[in-house]
């Protein structure tokens, strides 16, 4: 005989209250709270190098880069995520006076992990698409040189995939360009 365990569901307000007191980060989706795991050295290097390059290019512009400590909210289906990298333009819009939940990202970048790759590419992207300010979504592999660039054109999301270090990733919403070499500067792969 199998038994079903009771599942505790939390309101968004309960999640935020718990999250702001927590010593580790968790994401929120449909009333459930999911603890986040740590990142590999390769994941961390890619995130840092990509954020650094974007930060340098945006230094004199109205757009700003933030990394995985900035929470992002989606609506109308309320969820809270910690993307690896977020770019917003103009004044940041926050959920409340805690100034820790961004509402107006223009670009979201996720460095893929084996445990989250399918989710980042599928369901999580569907939630991100609810954000009206979002124009570009980028998935970066940490296992090989591969970057997927999703871009909103009118009402449709288009996709380009890049596989060589010489490929150029152009981000029209913030007028930046990166070679994949910029992204994978300190990463080598065993082939």
N, C-alpha and C. Protein backbone atom coordinates (compact mmCIF):
# COMPACT_ATOMS: atom_id res chain seq x y z
N UNK A 1 0.84 -1.18 0.00
CA UNK A 1 0.00 0.00 0.00
C UNK A 1 0.88 1.23 0.00
N UNK A 2 0.61 2.15 -0.92
CA UNK A 2 1.39 3.38 -0.98
C UNK A 2 0.69 4.49 -0.21
N UNK A 3 1.47 5.40 0.27
CA UNK A 3 0.88 6.53 0.99
C UNK A 3 1.33 7.82 0.34
N UNK A 4 0.48 8.79 0.40
CA UNK A 4 0.80 10.10 -0.15
C UNK A 4 1.20 11.01 1.00
N UNK A 5 2.29 11.69 0.85
CA UNK A 5 2.69 12.63 1.89
C UNK A 5 2.03 13.98 1.62
N UNK A 6 1.68 14.64 2.67
CA UNK A 6 1.07 15.96 2.54
C UNK A 6 2.13 16.95 2.06
N UNK A 7 1.74 17.78 1.14
CA UNK A 7 2.66 18.75 0.59
C UNK A 7 2.29 20.13 1.12
N UNK A 8 3.25 20.81 1.69
CA UNK A 8 3.00 22.15 2.20
C UNK A 8 3.16 23.15 1.07
N UNK A 9 2.14 23.97 0.88
CA UNK A 9 2.20 25.03 -0.12
C UNK A 9 2.33 26.36 0.60
N UNK A 10 3.11 27.25 0.02
CA UNK A 10 3.37 28.55 0.61
C UNK A 10 2.83 29.64 -0.29
N UNK A 11 2.40 30.73 0.29
CA UNK A 11 2.04 31.91 -0.50
C UNK A 11 3.33 32.61 -0.90
N UNK A 12 3.23 33.49 -1.88
CA UNK A 12 4.41 34.26 -2.29
C UNK A 12 4.93 35.09 -1.12
N UNK A 13 4.03 35.63 -0.33
CA UNK A 13 4.43 36.43 0.83
C UNK A 13 5.18 35.59 1.86
N UNK A 14 4.70 34.37 2.10
CA UNK A 14 5.38 33.48 3.04
C UNK A 14 6.77 33.13 2.53
N UNK A 15 6.86 32.84 1.23
CA UNK A 15 8.16 32.53 0.64
C UNK A 15 9.13 33.69 0.84
N UNK A 16 8.71 34.91 0.49
CA UNK A 16 9.60 36.06 0.60
C UNK A 16 10.04 36.28 2.05
N UNK A 17 9.13 36.10 2.98
CA UNK A 17 9.47 36.26 4.39
C UNK A 17 10.53 35.23 4.80
N UNK A 18 10.34 33.98 4.41
CA UNK A 18 11.31 32.93 4.72
C UNK A 18 12.64 33.16 3.99
N UNK A 19 12.56 33.54 2.72
CA UNK A 19 13.76 33.70 1.90
C UNK A 19 14.64 34.83 2.42
N UNK A 20 14.02 35.89 2.87
CA UNK A 20 14.79 37.04 3.35
C UNK A 20 15.49 36.76 4.68
N UNK A 21 15.10 35.70 5.35
CA UNK A 21 15.73 35.30 6.61
C UNK A 21 16.68 34.12 6.43
N UNK A 22 16.63 33.47 5.29
CA UNK A 22 17.36 32.22 5.06
C UNK A 22 18.86 32.46 4.87
N UNK A 23 19.63 31.43 5.18
CA UNK A 23 21.08 31.49 4.97
C UNK A 23 21.48 30.87 3.63
N UNK A 24 20.52 30.31 2.91
CA UNK A 24 20.76 29.76 1.58
C UNK A 24 19.60 30.18 0.69
N UNK A 25 19.83 30.16 -0.62
CA UNK A 25 18.82 30.62 -1.56
C UNK A 25 17.88 29.49 -1.98
N UNK A 26 16.62 29.88 -2.19
CA UNK A 26 15.60 28.97 -2.70
C UNK A 26 14.77 29.69 -3.74
N UNK A 27 14.25 28.92 -4.68
CA UNK A 27 13.35 29.49 -5.68
C UNK A 27 11.92 29.07 -5.34
N UNK A 28 10.96 29.76 -5.94
CA UNK A 28 9.55 29.56 -5.60
C UNK A 28 8.75 29.36 -6.88
N UNK A 29 7.91 28.33 -6.88
CA UNK A 29 7.08 28.05 -8.05
C UNK A 29 5.82 27.34 -7.60
N UNK A 30 4.68 27.93 -7.94
CA UNK A 30 3.37 27.31 -7.68
C UNK A 30 3.21 26.87 -6.22
N UNK A 31 3.63 27.72 -5.30
CA UNK A 31 3.44 27.43 -3.89
C UNK A 31 4.52 26.57 -3.27
N UNK A 32 5.45 26.09 -4.08
CA UNK A 32 6.51 25.22 -3.57
C UNK A 32 7.84 25.95 -3.55
N UNK A 33 8.65 25.62 -2.56
CA UNK A 33 9.97 26.22 -2.41
C UNK A 33 11.02 25.16 -2.72
N UNK A 34 11.98 25.53 -3.58
CA UNK A 34 13.02 24.60 -4.01
C UNK A 34 14.38 25.16 -3.64
N UNK A 35 15.13 24.43 -2.81
CA UNK A 35 16.48 24.85 -2.45
C UNK A 35 17.38 24.80 -3.68
N UNK A 36 18.27 25.77 -3.78
CA UNK A 36 19.22 25.80 -4.89
C UNK A 36 20.50 25.10 -4.49
N UNK A 37 21.08 24.42 -5.46
CA UNK A 37 22.34 23.73 -5.19
C UNK A 37 23.51 24.63 -5.57
N UNK A 38 24.70 24.22 -5.18
CA UNK A 38 25.89 24.97 -5.51
C UNK A 38 26.27 24.82 -6.97
N UNK A 39 27.27 25.57 -7.40
CA UNK A 39 27.70 25.56 -8.79
C UNK A 39 29.12 25.02 -8.90
N UNK A 40 29.42 24.44 -10.05
CA UNK A 40 30.77 23.93 -10.31
C UNK A 40 31.72 25.10 -10.59
N UNK A 41 33.01 24.81 -10.57
CA UNK A 41 34.01 25.83 -10.90
C UNK A 41 33.82 26.34 -12.32
N UNK A 42 33.56 25.44 -13.25
CA UNK A 42 33.33 25.85 -14.64
C UNK A 42 32.12 26.77 -14.74
N UNK A 43 31.04 26.42 -14.08
CA UNK A 43 29.83 27.24 -14.06
C UNK A 43 30.14 28.64 -13.53
N UNK A 44 30.87 28.69 -12.45
CA UNK A 44 31.21 29.96 -11.82
C UNK A 44 32.12 30.80 -12.71
N UNK A 45 33.09 30.17 -13.35
CA UNK A 45 33.99 30.90 -14.25
C UNK A 45 33.22 31.50 -15.42
N UNK A 46 32.36 30.72 -16.04
CA UNK A 46 31.57 31.21 -17.19
C UNK A 46 30.70 32.38 -16.74
N UNK A 47 30.02 32.23 -15.63
CA UNK A 47 29.14 33.29 -15.13
C UNK A 47 29.93 34.57 -14.88
N UNK A 48 31.06 34.45 -14.20
CA UNK A 48 31.86 35.62 -13.87
C UNK A 48 32.43 36.29 -15.12
N UNK A 49 32.99 35.50 -16.03
CA UNK A 49 33.59 36.08 -17.24
C UNK A 49 32.54 36.75 -18.12
N UNK A 50 31.40 36.13 -18.25
CA UNK A 50 30.32 36.70 -19.06
C UNK A 50 29.80 37.99 -18.43
N UNK A 51 29.56 37.97 -17.13
CA UNK A 51 29.08 39.18 -16.44
C UNK A 51 30.12 40.29 -16.50
N UNK A 52 31.39 39.93 -16.36
CA UNK A 52 32.46 40.94 -16.42
C UNK A 52 32.50 41.60 -17.79
N UNK A 53 32.47 40.80 -18.84
CA UNK A 53 32.52 41.36 -20.19
C UNK A 53 31.32 42.27 -20.47
N UNK A 54 30.14 41.83 -20.06
CA UNK A 54 28.95 42.68 -20.24
C UNK A 54 29.06 43.96 -19.42
N UNK A 55 29.54 43.84 -18.20
CA UNK A 55 29.68 45.00 -17.33
C UNK A 55 30.63 46.03 -17.94
N UNK A 56 31.72 45.57 -18.52
CA UNK A 56 32.67 46.47 -19.18
C UNK A 56 32.00 47.18 -20.34
N UNK A 57 31.28 46.43 -21.17
CA UNK A 57 30.64 47.03 -22.34
C UNK A 57 29.50 47.99 -21.96
N UNK A 58 28.87 47.76 -20.84
CA UNK A 58 27.73 48.59 -20.43
C UNK A 58 28.10 49.71 -19.46
N UNK A 59 29.38 49.87 -19.20
CA UNK A 59 29.83 50.82 -18.19
C UNK A 59 29.29 52.23 -18.41
N UNK A 60 29.20 52.68 -19.62
CA UNK A 60 28.75 54.04 -19.93
C UNK A 60 27.33 54.07 -20.49
N UNK A 61 26.56 53.01 -20.27
CA UNK A 61 25.21 52.93 -20.82
C UNK A 61 24.17 52.92 -19.71
N UNK A 62 22.93 52.95 -20.08
CA UNK A 62 21.83 52.95 -19.10
C UNK A 62 21.47 51.56 -18.60
N UNK A 63 22.11 50.55 -19.13
CA UNK A 63 21.82 49.18 -18.72
C UNK A 63 22.84 48.71 -17.70
N UNK A 64 22.42 47.77 -16.84
CA UNK A 64 23.28 47.29 -15.77
C UNK A 64 23.19 45.77 -15.66
N UNK A 65 24.31 45.17 -15.27
CA UNK A 65 24.41 43.73 -15.11
C UNK A 65 24.39 43.39 -13.63
N UNK A 66 23.60 42.38 -13.26
CA UNK A 66 23.62 41.85 -11.91
C UNK A 66 23.72 40.33 -12.00
N UNK A 67 24.24 39.73 -10.95
CA UNK A 67 24.43 38.28 -10.99
C UNK A 67 23.47 37.57 -10.06
N UNK A 68 23.73 36.32 -9.81
CA UNK A 68 22.78 35.38 -9.23
C UNK A 68 22.30 35.64 -7.81
N UNK A 69 22.61 36.77 -7.24
CA UNK A 69 22.02 37.12 -5.94
C UNK A 69 20.78 37.98 -6.10
N UNK A 70 20.49 38.41 -7.32
CA UNK A 70 19.30 39.22 -7.57
C UNK A 70 18.14 38.32 -8.00
N UNK A 71 17.11 38.32 -7.21
CA UNK A 71 15.91 37.51 -7.49
C UNK A 71 15.07 38.22 -8.55
N UNK A 72 14.40 37.43 -9.40
CA UNK A 72 13.51 37.93 -10.45
C UNK A 72 12.14 37.31 -10.24
N UNK A 73 11.10 38.11 -10.43
CA UNK A 73 9.73 37.64 -10.26
C UNK A 73 9.03 37.57 -11.61
N UNK A 74 8.24 36.51 -11.80
CA UNK A 74 7.40 36.41 -12.99
C UNK A 74 5.93 36.52 -12.57
N UNK A 75 5.13 37.05 -13.46
CA UNK A 75 3.67 37.10 -13.27
C UNK A 75 3.03 36.96 -14.64
N UNK A 76 1.82 36.50 -14.78
CA UNK A 76 0.79 36.33 -13.76
C UNK A 76 0.95 35.06 -12.93
N UNK A 77 1.64 34.05 -13.45
CA UNK A 77 1.92 32.89 -12.61
C UNK A 77 3.14 33.28 -11.78
N UNK A 78 2.92 33.48 -10.50
CA UNK A 78 3.97 34.03 -9.66
C UNK A 78 5.03 32.97 -9.37
N UNK A 79 6.25 33.35 -9.73
CA UNK A 79 7.41 32.52 -9.41
C UNK A 79 8.58 33.46 -9.14
N UNK A 80 9.54 32.95 -8.40
CA UNK A 80 10.74 33.71 -8.08
C UNK A 80 11.95 32.84 -8.42
N UNK A 81 12.88 33.42 -9.19
CA UNK A 81 14.06 32.70 -9.62
C UNK A 81 15.31 33.56 -9.37
N UNK A 82 16.45 32.89 -9.31
CA UNK A 82 17.75 33.55 -9.23
C UNK A 82 18.54 33.22 -10.49
N UNK A 83 18.34 33.96 -11.58
CA UNK A 83 19.11 33.68 -12.80
C UNK A 83 20.60 33.90 -12.55
N UNK A 84 21.43 33.25 -13.35
CA UNK A 84 22.87 33.43 -13.21
C UNK A 84 23.28 34.87 -13.50
N UNK A 85 22.72 35.44 -14.56
CA UNK A 85 23.02 36.83 -14.92
C UNK A 85 21.74 37.49 -15.40
N UNK A 86 21.55 38.74 -15.01
CA UNK A 86 20.39 39.53 -15.44
C UNK A 86 20.90 40.90 -15.90
N UNK A 87 20.34 41.40 -16.99
CA UNK A 87 20.59 42.76 -17.43
C UNK A 87 19.26 43.49 -17.42
N UNK A 88 19.25 44.68 -16.82
CA UNK A 88 18.07 45.54 -16.88
C UNK A 88 18.52 46.90 -17.41
N UNK A 89 17.59 47.65 -17.96
CA UNK A 89 17.91 48.96 -18.52
C UNK A 89 17.04 50.02 -17.87
N UNK A 90 17.60 51.21 -17.74
CA UNK A 90 16.88 52.28 -17.07
C UNK A 90 16.85 52.04 -15.56
N UNK A 91 15.86 52.60 -14.93
CA UNK A 91 15.73 52.42 -13.48
C UNK A 91 15.26 51.01 -13.17
N UNK A 92 15.87 50.35 -12.19
CA UNK A 92 15.38 49.03 -11.81
C UNK A 92 14.00 49.16 -11.17
N UNK A 93 13.15 48.21 -11.48
CA UNK A 93 11.82 48.15 -10.86
C UNK A 93 11.83 46.98 -9.88
N UNK A 94 11.43 47.27 -8.64
CA UNK A 94 11.44 46.25 -7.61
C UNK A 94 10.04 45.97 -7.11
N UNK A 95 9.88 44.78 -6.55
CA UNK A 95 8.57 44.36 -6.04
C UNK A 95 8.15 45.18 -4.81
N UNK A 96 9.12 45.49 -3.95
CA UNK A 96 8.78 46.21 -2.72
C UNK A 96 10.00 46.97 -2.22
N UNK A 97 9.90 47.51 -1.02
CA UNK A 97 10.99 48.35 -0.51
C UNK A 97 12.20 47.57 -0.03
N UNK A 98 12.18 46.27 -0.14
CA UNK A 98 13.37 45.49 0.18
C UNK A 98 14.39 45.54 -0.96
N UNK A 99 13.96 45.96 -2.15
CA UNK A 99 14.84 46.14 -3.31
C UNK A 99 15.66 44.89 -3.64
N UNK A 100 15.06 43.71 -3.47
CA UNK A 100 15.78 42.47 -3.73
C UNK A 100 15.09 41.57 -4.75
N UNK A 101 14.00 42.06 -5.34
CA UNK A 101 13.27 41.29 -6.34
C UNK A 101 13.03 42.17 -7.55
N UNK A 102 13.76 41.90 -8.62
CA UNK A 102 13.72 42.71 -9.85
C UNK A 102 12.53 42.31 -10.72
N UNK A 103 11.86 43.31 -11.27
CA UNK A 103 10.68 43.06 -12.10
C UNK A 103 10.91 43.35 -13.58
N UNK A 104 12.00 44.03 -13.94
CA UNK A 104 12.16 44.47 -15.34
C UNK A 104 13.46 44.04 -16.02
N UNK A 105 13.77 42.73 -15.98
CA UNK A 105 14.95 42.28 -16.73
C UNK A 105 14.73 42.38 -18.23
N UNK A 106 15.79 42.72 -18.95
CA UNK A 106 15.75 42.76 -20.41
C UNK A 106 16.39 41.50 -20.97
N UNK A 107 17.45 41.04 -20.29
CA UNK A 107 18.15 39.81 -20.68
C UNK A 107 18.31 38.94 -19.44
N UNK A 108 18.06 37.65 -19.62
CA UNK A 108 18.34 36.66 -18.58
C UNK A 108 19.27 35.62 -19.18
N UNK A 109 20.33 35.30 -18.42
CA UNK A 109 21.30 34.31 -18.87
C UNK A 109 21.38 33.21 -17.82
N UNK A 110 21.28 31.98 -18.28
CA UNK A 110 21.44 30.82 -17.41
C UNK A 110 22.60 29.97 -17.93
N UNK A 111 23.50 29.61 -17.04
CA UNK A 111 24.55 28.65 -17.37
C UNK A 111 23.99 27.28 -17.02
N UNK A 112 23.94 26.42 -18.00
CA UNK A 112 23.28 25.13 -17.84
C UNK A 112 24.05 24.18 -16.94
N UNK A 113 23.32 23.52 -16.07
CA UNK A 113 23.86 22.46 -15.22
C UNK A 113 23.16 21.17 -15.62
N UNK A 114 23.82 20.03 -15.47
CA UNK A 114 23.18 18.77 -15.85
C UNK A 114 21.82 18.56 -15.18
N UNK A 115 21.70 18.97 -13.94
CA UNK A 115 20.45 18.74 -13.21
C UNK A 115 19.33 19.70 -13.58
N UNK A 116 19.64 20.84 -14.22
CA UNK A 116 18.61 21.84 -14.51
C UNK A 116 18.46 22.15 -16.00
N UNK A 117 19.27 21.54 -16.84
CA UNK A 117 19.29 21.89 -18.26
C UNK A 117 17.92 21.81 -18.93
N UNK A 118 17.24 20.71 -18.78
CA UNK A 118 15.91 20.56 -19.40
C UNK A 118 14.93 21.59 -18.86
N UNK A 119 14.96 21.80 -17.57
CA UNK A 119 14.06 22.76 -16.92
C UNK A 119 14.35 24.18 -17.41
N UNK A 120 15.64 24.58 -17.48
CA UNK A 120 16.00 25.92 -17.95
C UNK A 120 15.56 26.15 -19.39
N UNK A 121 15.65 25.11 -20.19
CA UNK A 121 15.31 25.22 -21.61
C UNK A 121 13.79 25.19 -21.83
N UNK A 122 13.06 24.56 -20.93
CA UNK A 122 11.62 24.36 -21.13
C UNK A 122 10.76 25.18 -20.18
N UNK A 123 10.37 24.54 -19.08
CA UNK A 123 9.39 25.15 -18.18
C UNK A 123 9.86 26.50 -17.61
N UNK A 124 11.10 26.59 -17.21
CA UNK A 124 11.58 27.86 -16.64
C UNK A 124 11.54 28.97 -17.68
N UNK A 125 11.91 28.65 -18.92
CA UNK A 125 11.84 29.64 -19.99
C UNK A 125 10.39 30.07 -20.20
N UNK A 126 9.45 29.16 -20.09
CA UNK A 126 8.03 29.52 -20.21
C UNK A 126 7.62 30.54 -19.15
N UNK A 127 8.13 30.38 -17.94
CA UNK A 127 7.84 31.36 -16.89
C UNK A 127 8.51 32.69 -17.19
N UNK A 128 9.75 32.64 -17.62
CA UNK A 128 10.45 33.88 -17.95
C UNK A 128 9.73 34.65 -19.06
N UNK A 129 9.15 33.95 -20.00
CA UNK A 129 8.44 34.61 -21.11
C UNK A 129 7.29 35.48 -20.63
N UNK A 130 6.82 35.28 -19.41
CA UNK A 130 5.74 36.10 -18.85
C UNK A 130 6.21 37.51 -18.52
N UNK A 131 7.50 37.72 -18.42
CA UNK A 131 8.05 39.03 -18.04
C UNK A 131 8.00 39.94 -19.26
N UNK A 132 7.19 40.97 -19.19
CA UNK A 132 6.96 41.82 -20.37
C UNK A 132 8.21 42.57 -20.83
N UNK A 133 9.15 42.83 -19.96
CA UNK A 133 10.37 43.56 -20.34
C UNK A 133 11.43 42.66 -20.99
N UNK A 134 11.28 41.34 -20.86
CA UNK A 134 12.31 40.41 -21.33
C UNK A 134 12.37 40.37 -22.86
N UNK A 135 13.58 40.60 -23.39
CA UNK A 135 13.79 40.61 -24.84
C UNK A 135 14.70 39.49 -25.31
N UNK A 136 15.60 39.01 -24.41
CA UNK A 136 16.55 37.99 -24.82
C UNK A 136 16.78 37.02 -23.67
N UNK A 137 16.96 35.75 -24.03
CA UNK A 137 17.22 34.69 -23.07
C UNK A 137 18.37 33.87 -23.63
N UNK A 138 19.40 33.66 -22.81
CA UNK A 138 20.61 33.00 -23.29
C UNK A 138 20.93 31.81 -22.39
N UNK A 139 21.18 30.67 -23.02
CA UNK A 139 21.58 29.47 -22.31
C UNK A 139 23.01 29.13 -22.72
N UNK A 140 23.87 28.97 -21.73
CA UNK A 140 25.28 28.71 -21.97
C UNK A 140 25.63 27.34 -21.41
N UNK A 141 26.17 26.48 -22.26
CA UNK A 141 26.59 25.15 -21.82
C UNK A 141 27.89 25.25 -21.03
N UNK A 142 28.03 24.43 -20.00
CA UNK A 142 29.31 24.37 -19.30
C UNK A 142 30.08 23.10 -19.65
N UNK A 143 29.49 22.26 -20.51
CA UNK A 143 30.11 20.99 -20.89
C UNK A 143 30.81 21.04 -22.25
N UNK A 144 30.48 22.05 -23.05
CA UNK A 144 31.05 22.21 -24.38
C UNK A 144 30.82 23.64 -24.82
N UNK A 145 31.48 24.06 -25.87
CA UNK A 145 31.26 25.40 -26.41
C UNK A 145 29.92 25.38 -27.13
N UNK A 146 28.92 25.96 -26.49
CA UNK A 146 27.58 26.00 -27.07
C UNK A 146 26.74 27.05 -26.34
N UNK A 147 26.19 27.98 -27.13
CA UNK A 147 25.35 29.04 -26.59
C UNK A 147 24.07 29.10 -27.41
N UNK A 148 22.93 29.06 -26.72
CA UNK A 148 21.63 29.22 -27.36
C UNK A 148 21.14 30.63 -27.06
N UNK A 149 20.76 31.35 -28.10
CA UNK A 149 20.30 32.73 -27.96
C UNK A 149 18.86 32.83 -28.44
N UNK A 150 17.97 33.08 -27.51
CA UNK A 150 16.55 33.27 -27.83
C UNK A 150 16.28 34.77 -27.82
N UNK A 151 15.56 35.22 -28.84
CA UNK A 151 15.29 36.65 -28.97
C UNK A 151 13.83 36.85 -29.35
N UNK A 152 13.20 37.78 -28.65
CA UNK A 152 11.80 38.10 -28.94
C UNK A 152 11.75 39.06 -30.13
N UNK A 153 11.09 38.62 -31.19
CA UNK A 153 10.90 39.45 -32.37
C UNK A 153 9.39 39.54 -32.62
N UNK A 154 8.87 40.74 -32.44
CA UNK A 154 7.43 40.96 -32.45
C UNK A 154 6.82 40.12 -31.33
N UNK A 155 6.11 39.05 -31.66
CA UNK A 155 5.51 38.21 -30.62
C UNK A 155 6.08 36.80 -30.61
N UNK A 156 7.11 36.56 -31.42
CA UNK A 156 7.68 35.22 -31.53
C UNK A 156 9.12 35.19 -31.00
N UNK A 157 9.47 34.09 -30.35
CA UNK A 157 10.84 33.88 -29.90
C UNK A 157 11.59 33.11 -30.99
N UNK A 158 12.72 33.67 -31.42
CA UNK A 158 13.58 33.00 -32.39
C UNK A 158 14.80 32.44 -31.65
N UNK A 159 15.47 31.49 -32.27
CA UNK A 159 16.61 30.84 -31.62
C UNK A 159 17.78 30.74 -32.58
N UNK A 160 18.97 31.12 -32.09
CA UNK A 160 20.23 30.90 -32.79
C UNK A 160 21.13 30.11 -31.87
N UNK A 161 21.93 29.23 -32.44
CA UNK A 161 22.85 28.42 -31.66
C UNK A 161 24.26 28.64 -32.19
N UNK A 162 25.22 28.80 -31.27
CA UNK A 162 26.60 29.06 -31.62
C UNK A 162 27.48 27.96 -31.02
N UNK A 163 28.50 27.51 -31.79
CA UNK A 163 29.30 26.37 -31.35
C UNK A 163 30.81 26.55 -31.41
N UNK A 164 31.30 27.67 -31.90
CA UNK A 164 32.75 27.85 -31.96
C UNK A 164 33.14 29.11 -31.19
N UNK A 165 34.36 29.09 -30.68
CA UNK A 165 34.85 30.22 -29.89
C UNK A 165 34.93 31.51 -30.71
N UNK A 166 34.99 31.40 -32.03
CA UNK A 166 35.05 32.60 -32.88
C UNK A 166 33.67 33.17 -33.18
N UNK A 167 32.61 32.42 -32.90
CA UNK A 167 31.25 32.91 -33.16
C UNK A 167 30.98 34.17 -32.35
N UNK A 168 30.17 35.06 -32.94
CA UNK A 168 29.83 36.33 -32.31
C UNK A 168 28.38 36.30 -31.84
N UNK A 169 28.18 36.54 -30.58
CA UNK A 169 26.85 36.65 -29.99
C UNK A 169 26.50 38.13 -29.92
N UNK A 170 25.49 38.53 -30.68
CA UNK A 170 25.06 39.92 -30.71
C UNK A 170 23.78 40.05 -29.89
N UNK A 171 23.78 41.02 -28.98
CA UNK A 171 22.64 41.26 -28.09
C UNK A 171 22.02 42.61 -28.45
N UNK A 172 21.06 42.60 -29.38
CA UNK A 172 20.53 43.87 -29.90
C UNK A 172 19.81 44.73 -28.85
N UNK A 173 19.22 44.11 -27.85
CA UNK A 173 18.46 44.90 -26.87
C UNK A 173 19.36 45.79 -26.02
N UNK A 174 20.66 45.45 -25.93
CA UNK A 174 21.58 46.28 -25.15
C UNK A 174 22.78 46.74 -25.98
N UNK A 175 22.75 46.45 -27.28
CA UNK A 175 23.80 46.87 -28.20
C UNK A 175 25.19 46.40 -27.78
N UNK A 176 25.29 45.13 -27.45
CA UNK A 176 26.56 44.52 -27.07
C UNK A 176 26.86 43.34 -27.98
N UNK A 177 28.14 43.01 -28.08
CA UNK A 177 28.58 41.84 -28.82
C UNK A 177 29.64 41.12 -28.01
N UNK A 178 29.58 39.80 -28.05
CA UNK A 178 30.56 38.96 -27.36
C UNK A 178 30.95 37.82 -28.28
N UNK A 179 32.23 37.51 -28.31
CA UNK A 179 32.60 36.27 -28.97
C UNK A 179 32.41 35.16 -27.94
N UNK A 180 32.27 33.94 -28.39
CA UNK A 180 32.19 32.85 -27.44
C UNK A 180 33.51 32.69 -26.69
N UNK A 181 34.59 33.16 -27.29
CA UNK A 181 35.87 33.17 -26.57
C UNK A 181 35.77 34.04 -25.31
N UNK A 182 35.04 35.16 -25.40
CA UNK A 182 34.82 36.00 -24.21
C UNK A 182 34.11 35.22 -23.11
N UNK A 183 33.19 34.36 -23.50
CA UNK A 183 32.39 33.59 -22.54
C UNK A 183 33.20 32.45 -21.94
N UNK A 184 33.98 31.78 -22.78
CA UNK A 184 34.72 30.59 -22.35
C UNK A 184 36.20 30.88 -22.13
N UNK A 185 36.56 32.09 -21.76
CA UNK A 185 37.95 32.50 -21.61
C UNK A 185 38.78 31.55 -20.77
N UNK A 186 38.29 31.16 -19.62
CA UNK A 186 39.09 30.33 -18.70
C UNK A 186 38.59 28.90 -18.62
N UNK A 187 37.91 28.44 -19.67
CA UNK A 187 37.36 27.09 -19.67
C UNK A 187 37.97 26.28 -20.80
N UNK A 188 38.44 25.09 -20.47
CA UNK A 188 38.92 24.15 -21.48
C UNK A 188 38.09 22.87 -21.35
N UNK A 189 37.95 22.19 -22.46
CA UNK A 189 37.17 20.97 -22.48
C UNK A 189 38.03 19.81 -22.93
N UNK A 190 37.82 18.65 -22.32
CA UNK A 190 38.49 17.43 -22.77
C UNK A 190 37.71 16.88 -23.95
N UNK A 191 38.37 16.72 -25.07
CA UNK A 191 37.66 16.20 -26.25
C UNK A 191 38.14 14.84 -26.63
